[in-house]
C-alpha atoms as a PDB file:
ATOM      1  CA  UNK A   1     227.793  -9.513 248.527  1.00  0.00           C
ATOM      2  CA  UNK A   2     226.154  -6.764 250.657  1.00  0.00           C
ATOM      3  CA  UNK A   3     223.560  -4.667 249.036  1.00  0.00           C
ATOM      4  CA  UNK A   4     224.346  -1.115 249.747  1.00  0.00           C
ATOM      5  CA  UNK A   5     221.622   0.483 251.685  1.00  0.00           C
ATOM      6  CA  UNK A   6     219.564   3.257 249.885  1.00  0.00           C
ATOM      7  CA  UNK A   7     220.140   6.598 251.440  1.00  0.00           C
ATOM      8  CA  UNK A   8     217.430   9.060 250.864  1.00  0.00           C
ATOM      9  CA  UNK A   9     218.878  12.529 250.332  1.00  0.00           C
ATOM     10  CA  UNK A  10     218.463  15.204 252.810  1.00  0.00           C
ATOM     11  CA  UNK A  11     215.285  17.553 252.133  1.00  0.00           C
ATOM     12  CA  UNK A  12     216.233  20.899 250.741  1.00  0.00           C
ATOM     13  CA  UNK A  13     215.339  23.786 252.877  1.00  0.00           C
ATOM     14  CA  UNK A  14     212.279  25.394 251.767  1.00  0.00           C
ATOM     15  CA  UNK A  15     213.241  28.413 249.615  1.00  0.00           C
ATOM     16  CA  UNK A  16     211.895  31.739 250.952  1.00  0.00           C
ATOM     17  CA  UNK A  17     209.256  33.231 248.675  1.00  0.00           C
ATOM     18  CA  UNK A  18     209.497  36.604 247.092  1.00  0.00           C
ATOM     19  CA  UNK A  19     206.801  37.922 249.316  1.00  0.00           C
ATOM     20  CA  UNK A  20     208.864  36.883 252.304  1.00  0.00           C
ATOM     21  CA  UNK A  21     211.906  38.603 251.017  1.00  0.00           C
ATOM     22  CA  UNK A  22     210.016  41.748 250.364  1.00  0.00           C
ATOM     23  CA  UNK A  23     208.684  41.953 253.804  1.00  0.00           C
ATOM     24  CA  UNK A  24     212.284  41.652 254.996  1.00  0.00           C
ATOM     25  CA  UNK A  25     213.207  44.348 252.799  1.00  0.00           C
ATOM     26  CA  UNK A  26     210.280  46.537 254.157  1.00  0.00           C
ATOM     27  CA  UNK A  27     211.320  45.930 257.786  1.00  0.00           C
ATOM     28  CA  UNK A  28     214.843  46.942 256.768  1.00  0.00           C
ATOM     29  CA  UNK A  29     213.693  50.281 255.211  1.00  0.00           C
ATOM     30  CA  UNK A  30     211.385  51.017 257.951  1.00  0.00           C
ATOM     31  CA  UNK A  31     214.388  50.631 260.475  1.00  0.00           C
ATOM     32  CA  UNK A  32     216.479  52.718 258.340  1.00  0.00           C
ATOM     33  CA  UNK A  33     213.964  55.563 257.848  1.00  0.00           C
ATOM     34  CA  UNK A  34     213.433  55.490 261.772  1.00  0.00           C
ATOM     35  CA  UNK A  35     217.228  55.750 262.281  1.00  0.00           C
ATOM     36  CA  UNK A  36     217.647  58.877 260.220  1.00  0.00           C
ATOM     37  CA  UNK A  37     217.393  62.008 262.476  1.00  0.00           C
ATOM     38  CA  UNK A  38     215.781  64.098 259.578  1.00  0.00           C
ATOM     39  CA  UNK A  39     212.787  61.881 259.569  1.00  0.00           C
ATOM     40  CA  UNK A  40     211.880  62.856 262.990  1.00  0.00           C
ATOM     41  CA  UNK A  41     212.522  66.593 262.369  1.00  0.00           C
ATOM     42  CA  UNK A  42     210.571  66.771 259.196  1.00  0.00           C
ATOM     43  CA  UNK A  43     207.580  64.689 260.294  1.00  0.00           C
ATOM     44  CA  UNK A  44     207.436  67.018 263.516  1.00  0.00           C
ATOM     45  CA  UNK A  45     207.888  70.048 261.362  1.00  0.00           C
ATOM     46  CA  UNK A  46     204.970  68.763 259.158  1.00  0.00           C
ATOM     47  CA  UNK A  47     202.546  67.987 261.934  1.00  0.00           C
ATOM     48  CA  UNK A  48     203.468  71.137 263.941  1.00  0.00           C
ATOM     49  CA  UNK A  49     202.937  73.477 261.083  1.00  0.00           C
ATOM     50  CA  UNK A  50     199.609  72.039 260.117  1.00  0.00           C
ATOM     51  CA  UNK A  51     197.997  71.957 263.568  1.00  0.00           C
ATOM     52  CA  UNK A  52     199.708  75.308 264.786  1.00  0.00           C
ATOM     53  CA  UNK A  53     198.890  77.440 261.741  1.00  0.00           C
ATOM     54  CA  UNK A  54     195.435  75.965 261.627  1.00  0.00           C
ATOM     55  CA  UNK A  55     194.750  77.055 265.364  1.00  0.00           C
ATOM     56  CA  UNK A  56     196.177  80.531 264.431  1.00  0.00           C
ATOM     57  CA  UNK A  57     194.056  81.045 261.576  1.00  0.00           C
ATOM     58  CA  UNK A  58     191.097  80.122 263.540  1.00  0.00           C
ATOM     59  CA  UNK A  59     191.681  82.599 266.310  1.00  0.00           C
ATOM     60  CA  UNK A  60     193.032  85.582 264.476  1.00  0.00           C
ATOM     61  CA  UNK A  61     192.157  85.460 260.801  1.00  0.00           C
ATOM     62  CA  UNK A  62     188.613  84.493 260.757  1.00  0.00           C
ATOM     63  CA  UNK A  63     187.570  87.266 263.181  1.00  0.00           C
ATOM     64  CA  UNK A  64     188.836  89.744 260.370  1.00  0.00           C
ATOM     65  CA  UNK A  65     186.815  88.411 257.727  1.00  0.00           C
ATOM     66  CA  UNK A  66     183.397  90.055 257.049  1.00  0.00           C
ATOM     67  CA  UNK A  67     180.109  88.171 257.055  1.00  0.00           C
ATOM     68  CA  UNK A  68     180.251  88.202 253.314  1.00  0.00           C
ATOM     69  CA  UNK A  69     183.940  86.794 253.091  1.00  0.00           C
ATOM     70  CA  UNK A  70     182.955  84.141 255.721  1.00  0.00           C
ATOM     71  CA  UNK A  71     179.984  82.988 253.611  1.00  0.00           C
ATOM     72  CA  UNK A  72     182.198  82.407 250.376  1.00  0.00           C
ATOM     73  CA  UNK A  73     185.307  81.051 252.343  1.00  0.00           C
ATOM     74  CA  UNK A  74     186.292  77.538 252.311  1.00  0.00           C
ATOM     75  CA  UNK A  75     186.793  76.415 256.044  1.00  0.00           C
ATOM     76  CA  UNK A  76     189.083  73.174 255.034  1.00  0.00           C
ATOM     77  CA  UNK A  77     191.436  75.421 252.787  1.00  0.00           C
ATOM     78  CA  UNK A  78     191.624  78.009 255.657  1.00  0.00           C
ATOM     79  CA  UNK A  79     192.368  75.272 258.208  1.00  0.00           C
ATOM     80  CA  UNK A  80     195.042  73.620 256.003  1.00  0.00           C
ATOM     81  CA  UNK A  81     197.119  76.931 255.275  1.00  0.00           C
ATOM     82  CA  UNK A  82     199.939  75.073 257.112  1.00  0.00           C
ATOM     83  CA  UNK A  83     200.225  72.747 254.075  1.00  0.00           C
ATOM     84  CA  UNK A  84     202.304  75.452 252.556  1.00  0.00           C
ATOM     85  CA  UNK A  85     204.972  74.588 255.067  1.00  0.00           C
ATOM     86  CA  UNK A  86     204.116  70.885 255.634  1.00  0.00           C
ATOM     87  CA  UNK A  87     204.519  70.001 251.979  1.00  0.00           C
ATOM     88  CA  UNK A  88     208.182  71.223 252.065  1.00  0.00           C
ATOM     89  CA  UNK A  89     208.878  68.932 254.943  1.00  0.00           C
ATOM     90  CA  UNK A  90     207.026  65.887 253.393  1.00  0.00           C
ATOM     91  CA  UNK A  91     208.921  66.588 250.100  1.00  0.00           C
ATOM     92  CA  UNK A  92     212.142  66.923 251.693  1.00  0.00           C
ATOM     93  CA  UNK A  93     211.589  63.693 253.648  1.00  0.00           C
ATOM     94  CA  UNK A  94     210.895  61.728 250.439  1.00  0.00           C
ATOM     95  CA  UNK A  95     214.192  63.085 249.012  1.00  0.00           C
ATOM     96  CA  UNK A  96     216.307  62.304 251.970  1.00  0.00           C
ATOM     97  CA  UNK A  97     214.939  58.858 252.149  1.00  0.00           C
ATOM     98  CA  UNK A  98     217.083  57.700 249.229  1.00  0.00           C
ATOM     99  CA  UNK A  99     219.720  60.671 249.026  1.00  0.00           C
ATOM    100  CA  UNK A 100     221.008  60.135 252.595  1.00  0.00           C
ATOM    101  CA  UNK A 101     222.109  56.766 251.670  1.00  0.00           C
ATOM    102  CA  UNK A 102     223.997  58.042 248.578  1.00  0.00           C
ATOM    103  CA  UNK A 103     225.624  60.798 250.719  1.00  0.00           C
ATOM    104  CA  UNK A 104     226.900  58.336 253.314  1.00  0.00           C
ATOM    105  CA  UNK A 105     227.865  55.557 250.882  1.00  0.00           C
ATOM    106  CA  UNK A 106     225.337  53.153 252.697  1.00  0.00           C
ATOM    107  CA  UNK A 107     223.622  52.510 249.541  1.00  0.00           C
ATOM    108  CA  UNK A 108     226.418  50.272 248.369  1.00  0.00           C
ATOM    109  CA  UNK A 109     225.794  47.946 251.478  1.00  0.00           C
ATOM    110  CA  UNK A 110     222.160  48.023 250.945  1.00  0.00           C
ATOM    111  CA  UNK A 111     222.537  47.063 247.169  1.00  0.00           C
ATOM    112  CA  UNK A 112     224.996  44.365 248.050  1.00  0.00           C
ATOM    113  CA  UNK A 113     222.487  42.897 250.577  1.00  0.00           C
ATOM    114  CA  UNK A 114     219.566  43.418 248.022  1.00  0.00           C
ATOM    115  CA  UNK A 115     221.134  43.030 244.498  1.00  0.00           C
ATOM    116  CA  UNK A 116     217.652  43.682 242.936  1.00  0.00           C
ATOM    117  CA  UNK A 117     217.835  47.546 242.852  1.00  0.00           C
ATOM    118  CA  UNK A 118     214.118  48.053 241.958  1.00  0.00           C
ATOM    119  CA  UNK A 119     212.994  46.130 244.892  1.00  0.00           C
ATOM    120  CA  UNK A 120     214.908  48.452 247.283  1.00  0.00           C
ATOM    121  CA  UNK A 121     213.298  51.439 245.823  1.00  0.00           C
ATOM    122  CA  UNK A 122     209.875  49.731 245.799  1.00  0.00           C
ATOM    123  CA  UNK A 123     210.201  48.929 249.619  1.00  0.00           C
ATOM    124  CA  UNK A 124     211.358  52.486 250.204  1.00  0.00           C
ATOM    125  CA  UNK A 125     208.171  53.693 248.269  1.00  0.00           C
ATOM    126  CA  UNK A 126     205.881  51.580 250.349  1.00  0.00           C
ATOM    127  CA  UNK A 127     207.367  52.430 253.845  1.00  0.00           C
ATOM    128  CA  UNK A 128     207.494  56.191 252.806  1.00  0.00           C
ATOM    129  CA  UNK A 129     203.848  56.134 251.698  1.00  0.00           C
ATOM    130  CA  UNK A 130     202.675  54.524 254.908  1.00  0.00           C
ATOM    131  CA  UNK A 131     204.505  56.848 257.166  1.00  0.00           C
ATOM    132  CA  UNK A 132     203.496  59.821 255.186  1.00  0.00           C
ATOM    133  CA  UNK A 133     199.903  58.815 254.866  1.00  0.00           C
ATOM    134  CA  UNK A 134     199.579  58.318 258.578  1.00  0.00           C
ATOM    135  CA  UNK A 135     201.297  61.734 259.517  1.00  0.00           C
ATOM    136  CA  UNK A 136     199.696  63.536 256.792  1.00  0.00           C
ATOM    137  CA  UNK A 137     196.061  62.300 257.398  1.00  0.00           C
ATOM    138  CA  UNK A 138     196.394  62.558 261.144  1.00  0.00           C
ATOM    139  CA  UNK A 139     197.768  66.215 261.013  1.00  0.00           C
ATOM    140  CA  UNK A 140     195.198  67.474 258.325  1.00  0.00           C
ATOM    141  CA  UNK A 141     192.354  66.198 260.367  1.00  0.00           C
ATOM    142  CA  UNK A 142     193.788  67.506 263.587  1.00  0.00           C
ATOM    143  CA  UNK A 143     194.449  70.885 261.952  1.00  0.00           C
ATOM    144  CA  UNK A 144     190.721  71.281 260.874  1.00  0.00           C
ATOM    145  CA  UNK A 145     189.471  70.161 264.484  1.00  0.00           C
ATOM    146  CA  UNK A 146     191.894  72.585 266.139  1.00  0.00           C
ATOM    147  CA  UNK A 147     190.549  75.265 263.634  1.00  0.00           C
ATOM    148  CA  UNK A 148     186.990  74.583 264.223  1.00  0.00           C
ATOM    149  CA  UNK A 149     187.550  74.702 268.122  1.00  0.00           C
ATOM    150  CA  UNK A 150     189.329  77.966 267.758  1.00  0.00           C
ATOM    151  CA  UNK A 151     186.678  79.799 265.900  1.00  0.00           C
ATOM    152  CA  UNK A 152     185.073  82.671 267.530  1.00  0.00           C
ATOM    153  CA  UNK A 153     181.437  82.436 268.663  1.00  0.00           C
ATOM    154  CA  UNK A 154     179.842  84.614 265.974  1.00  0.00           C
ATOM    155  CA  UNK A 155     181.537  82.837 263.095  1.00  0.00           C
ATOM    156  CA  UNK A 156     179.138  82.066 260.260  1.00  0.00           C
ATOM    157  CA  UNK A 157     177.649  78.673 259.791  1.00  0.00           C
ATOM    158  CA  UNK A 158     179.743  78.355 256.374  1.00  0.00           C
ATOM    159  CA  UNK A 159     182.894  78.295 258.332  1.00  0.00           C
ATOM    160  CA  UNK A 160     181.863  76.566 261.503  1.00  0.00           C
ATOM    161  CA  UNK A 161     181.107  73.161 259.869  1.00  0.00           C
ATOM    162  CA  UNK A 162     181.892  70.189 261.791  1.00  0.00           C
ATOM    163  CA  UNK A 163     184.051  67.359 260.567  1.00  0.00           C
ATOM    164  CA  UNK A 164     181.122  65.301 259.893  1.00  0.00           C
ATOM    165  CA  UNK A 165     179.469  67.852 257.661  1.00  0.00           C
ATOM    166  CA  UNK A 166     179.245  66.836 253.997  1.00  0.00           C
ATOM    167  CA  UNK A 167     182.665  66.808 252.122  1.00  0.00           C
ATOM    168  CA  UNK A 168     184.678  68.258 255.104  1.00  0.00           C
ATOM    169  CA  UNK A 169     186.207  64.923 256.170  1.00  0.00           C
ATOM    170  CA  UNK A 170     186.952  63.980 252.599  1.00  0.00           C
ATOM    171  CA  UNK A 171     188.665  67.324 251.935  1.00  0.00           C
ATOM    172  CA  UNK A 172     190.659  67.102 255.147  1.00  0.00           C
ATOM    173  CA  UNK A 173     191.829  63.669 254.345  1.00  0.00           C
ATOM    174  CA  UNK A 174     192.604  64.853 250.817  1.00  0.00           C
ATOM    175  CA  UNK A 175     195.162  67.156 252.264  1.00  0.00           C
ATOM    176  CA  UNK A 176     197.091  64.225 253.914  1.00  0.00           C
ATOM    177  CA  UNK A 177     196.651  62.260 250.547  1.00  0.00           C
ATOM    178  CA  UNK A 178     198.502  65.156 248.824  1.00  0.00           C
ATOM    179  CA  UNK A 179     201.316  65.071 251.411  1.00  0.00           C
ATOM    180  CA  UNK A 180     201.628  61.392 250.829  1.00  0.00           C
ATOM    181  CA  UNK A 181     202.060  61.652 247.069  1.00  0.00           C
ATOM    182  CA  UNK A 182     204.358  64.632 247.408  1.00  0.00           C
ATOM    183  CA  UNK A 183     206.829  62.500 249.605  1.00  0.00           C
ATOM    184  CA  UNK A 184     206.689  59.866 246.762  1.00  0.00           C
ATOM    185  CA  UNK A 185     207.456  62.484 244.052  1.00  0.00           C
ATOM    186  CA  UNK A 186     210.538  63.683 246.313  1.00  0.00           C
ATOM    187  CA  UNK A 187     211.531  59.989 246.414  1.00  0.00           C
ATOM    188  CA  UNK A 188     211.490  59.537 242.831  1.00  0.00           C
ATOM    189  CA  UNK A 189     213.279  62.691 242.265  1.00  0.00           C
ATOM    190  CA  UNK A 190     216.026  61.760 244.898  1.00  0.00           C
ATOM    191  CA  UNK A 191     216.512  58.383 243.163  1.00  0.00           C
ATOM    192  CA  UNK A 192     216.883  59.834 239.564  1.00  0.00           C
ATOM    193  CA  UNK A 193     219.240  62.806 240.707  1.00  0.00           C
ATOM    194  CA  UNK A 194     220.994  61.324 243.753  1.00  0.00           C
ATOM    195  CA  UNK A 195     221.539  64.576 245.236  1.00  0.00           C
ATOM    196  CA  UNK A 196     219.658  66.119 248.135  1.00  0.00           C
ATOM    197  CA  UNK A 197     220.333  69.731 247.118  1.00  0.00           C
ATOM    198  CA  UNK A 198     219.446  68.889 243.480  1.00  0.00           C
ATOM    199  CA  UNK A 199     216.206  66.938 244.176  1.00  0.00           C
ATOM    200  CA  UNK A 200     214.968  69.467 246.730  1.00  0.00           C
ATOM    201  CA  UNK A 201     215.437  72.419 244.364  1.00  0.00           C
ATOM    202  CA  UNK A 202     213.756  70.246 241.435  1.00  0.00           C
ATOM    203  CA  UNK A 203     210.739  69.431 243.742  1.00  0.00           C
ATOM    204  CA  UNK A 204     210.131  73.320 244.776  1.00  0.00           C
ATOM    205  CA  UNK A 205     210.865  74.427 241.234  1.00  0.00           C
ATOM    206  CA  UNK A 206     208.160  71.868 239.949  1.00  0.00           C
ATOM    207  CA  UNK A 207     205.769  73.222 242.616  1.00  0.00           C
ATOM    208  CA  UNK A 208     205.998  76.913 242.430  1.00  0.00           C
ATOM    209  CA  UNK A 209     207.750  77.900 239.019  1.00  0.00           C
ATOM    210  CA  UNK A 210     205.039  76.675 236.643  1.00  0.00           C
ATOM    211  CA  UNK A 211     202.231  78.786 238.721  1.00  0.00           C
ATOM    212  CA  UNK A 212     204.430  81.854 238.332  1.00  0.00           C
ATOM    213  CA  UNK A 213     205.163  81.351 234.787  1.00  0.00           C
ATOM    214  CA  UNK A 214     201.592  80.468 233.672  1.00  0.00           C
ATOM    215  CA  UNK A 215     200.501  83.521 235.733  1.00  0.00           C
ATOM    216  CA  UNK A 216     202.245  85.703 233.160  1.00  0.00           C
ATOM    217  CA  UNK A 217     200.261  84.216 230.202  1.00  0.00           C
ATOM    218  CA  UNK A 218     196.895  85.532 229.031  1.00  0.00           C
ATOM    219  CA  UNK A 219     193.857  84.545 230.947  1.00  0.00           C
ATOM    220  CA  UNK A 220     192.812  82.119 228.271  1.00  0.00           C
ATOM    221  CA  UNK A 221     196.080  80.347 228.742  1.00  0.00           C
ATOM    222  CA  UNK A 222     195.810  80.466 232.467  1.00  0.00           C
ATOM    223  CA  UNK A 223     192.364  78.889 232.255  1.00  0.00           C
ATOM    224  CA  UNK A 224     193.532  76.162 230.052  1.00  0.00           C
ATOM    225  CA  UNK A 225     196.813  75.176 231.673  1.00  0.00           C
ATOM    226  CA  UNK A 226     196.445  76.243 235.177  1.00  0.00           C
ATOM    227  CA  UNK A 227     194.255  73.518 236.520  1.00  0.00           C
ATOM    228  CA  UNK A 228     196.928  71.005 235.301  1.00  0.00           C
ATOM    229  CA  UNK A 229     199.894  72.413 237.086  1.00  0.00           C
ATOM    230  CA  UNK A 230     201.084  70.317 239.986  1.00  0.00           C
ATOM    231  CA  UNK A 231     200.494  72.865 242.659  1.00  0.00           C
ATOM    232  CA  UNK A 232     196.883  73.604 241.385  1.00  0.00           C
ATOM    233  CA  UNK A 233     195.928  69.883 240.876  1.00  0.00           C
ATOM    234  CA  UNK A 234     197.126  69.354 244.402  1.00  0.00           C
ATOM    235  CA  UNK A 235     194.811  72.162 245.713  1.00  0.00           C
ATOM    236  CA  UNK A 236     191.846  70.514 244.375  1.00  0.00           C
ATOM    237  CA  UNK A 237     192.394  67.647 246.741  1.00  0.00           C
ATOM    238  CA  UNK A 238     191.365  69.537 249.927  1.00  0.00           C
ATOM    239  CA  UNK A 239     188.563  71.900 248.630  1.00  0.00           C
ATOM    240  CA  UNK A 240     185.189  71.491 249.612  1.00  0.00           C
ATOM    241  CA  UNK A 241     184.058  72.612 246.167  1.00  0.00           C
ATOM    242  CA  UNK A 242     185.953  72.916 242.890  1.00  0.00           C
ATOM    243  CA  UNK A 243     187.069  76.225 241.881  1.00  0.00           C
ATOM    244  CA  UNK A 244     185.472  77.786 238.484  1.00  0.00           C
ATOM    245  CA  UNK A 245     187.643  76.279 235.820  1.00  0.00           C
ATOM    246  CA  UNK A 246     189.413  73.932 238.435  1.00  0.00           C
ATOM    247  CA  UNK A 247     189.472  70.260 238.647  1.00  0.00           C
ATOM    248  CA  UNK A 248     187.444  68.197 240.792  1.00  0.00           C
ATOM    249  CA  UNK A 249     189.095  66.262 243.883  1.00  0.00           C
ATOM    250  CA  UNK A 250     189.237  62.900 241.873  1.00  0.00           C
ATOM    251  CA  UNK A 251     190.694  64.660 238.717  1.00  0.00           C
ATOM    252  CA  UNK A 252     193.219  66.481 240.814  1.00  0.00           C
ATOM    253  CA  UNK A 253     194.388  63.338 242.344  1.00  0.00           C
ATOM    254  CA  UNK A 254     194.593  61.734 238.945  1.00  0.00           C
ATOM    255  CA  UNK A 255     196.791  64.571 237.565  1.00  0.00           C
ATOM    256  CA  UNK A 256     199.196  64.709 240.597  1.00  0.00           C
ATOM    257  CA  UNK A 257     199.259  60.967 240.629  1.00  0.00           C
ATOM    258  CA  UNK A 258     200.716  61.115 237.143  1.00  0.00           C
ATOM    259  CA  UNK A 259     203.516  63.706 238.146  1.00  0.00           C
ATOM    260  CA  UNK A 260     204.422  61.314 241.016  1.00  0.00           C
ATOM    261  CA  UNK A 261     204.315  58.265 238.836  1.00  0.00           C
ATOM    262  CA  UNK A 262     206.554  59.927 236.218  1.00  0.00           C
ATOM    263  CA  UNK A 263     209.192  60.883 238.972  1.00  0.00           C
ATOM    264  CA  UNK A 264     209.264  57.305 240.257  1.00  0.00           C
ATOM    265  CA  UNK A 265     209.456  55.793 236.852  1.00  0.00           C
ATOM    266  CA  UNK A 266     212.824  58.015 236.284  1.00  0.00           C
ATOM    267  CA  UNK A 267     213.823  56.937 239.792  1.00  0.00           C
ATOM    268  CA  UNK A 268     213.377  53.124 239.084  1.00  0.00           C
ATOM    269  CA  UNK A 269     215.077  53.712 235.538  1.00  0.00           C
ATOM    270  CA  UNK A 270     218.039  55.378 237.022  1.00  0.00           C
ATOM    271  CA  UNK A 271     218.754  53.054 240.166  1.00  0.00           C
ATOM    272  CA  UNK A 272     218.291  49.876 237.633  1.00  0.00           C
ATOM    273  CA  UNK A 273     220.767  51.234 235.039  1.00  0.00           C
ATOM    274  CA  UNK A 274     223.333  53.349 236.956  1.00  0.00           C
ATOM    275  CA  UNK A 275     226.109  52.117 239.354  1.00  0.00           C
ATOM    276  CA  UNK A 276     225.880  53.266 242.853  1.00  0.00           C
END
């Protein structure tokens, strides 16, 4: 009687770790973000508005300020006036990063390939944060450099501070950090509302409407509530020195981060529980 030979089982292929799968998801989301036409235009609009308006302010506005006004002015805040436009561009980019897939129906294919829906949104947030931080910081620093180079020769020393002066680089980078968090805020609203128009309207309303409403209240209410509004908290990130009754840069970052976290939490909740 022949003894059957023992055949060892074939080794199982090594299972891919969660980190490897998330890296694949990151590459997928980066590819999708790059392929959307609105990404290029929103980023181009943000960078152009920051740099171009910074140069225009340095050339035309500063020369009209008196010596006393120049002494009391914040050079970083002046150079980043373009943030009033670039914030709309980055917020819109955050919204479209998710709502464009709902609009085209691509979200069904995305969720079929990656059933873990919160992983999809997390990957979108990481990719958007990286792109927004790079574009935001570079454009804000470039805006200050262009603003500084465009200043008239007789500008006071208070306005003609170099980028290496105390607090200047921190404030300029703070403008880029604000744009990054604003993009994530738009992503959270887009995931929660699933409508480009609705999420963009909600984002702009959150930025501008509370400031208008609180401005109608008595001064004591404005002093108490004003610093914690989204727009005012964000302003603290790119000021050289805190305004009277305003927040410090660190406190402003904390408050605005909380608004962003709440929007993202709403987005994660909705994408996990609602059908695509």
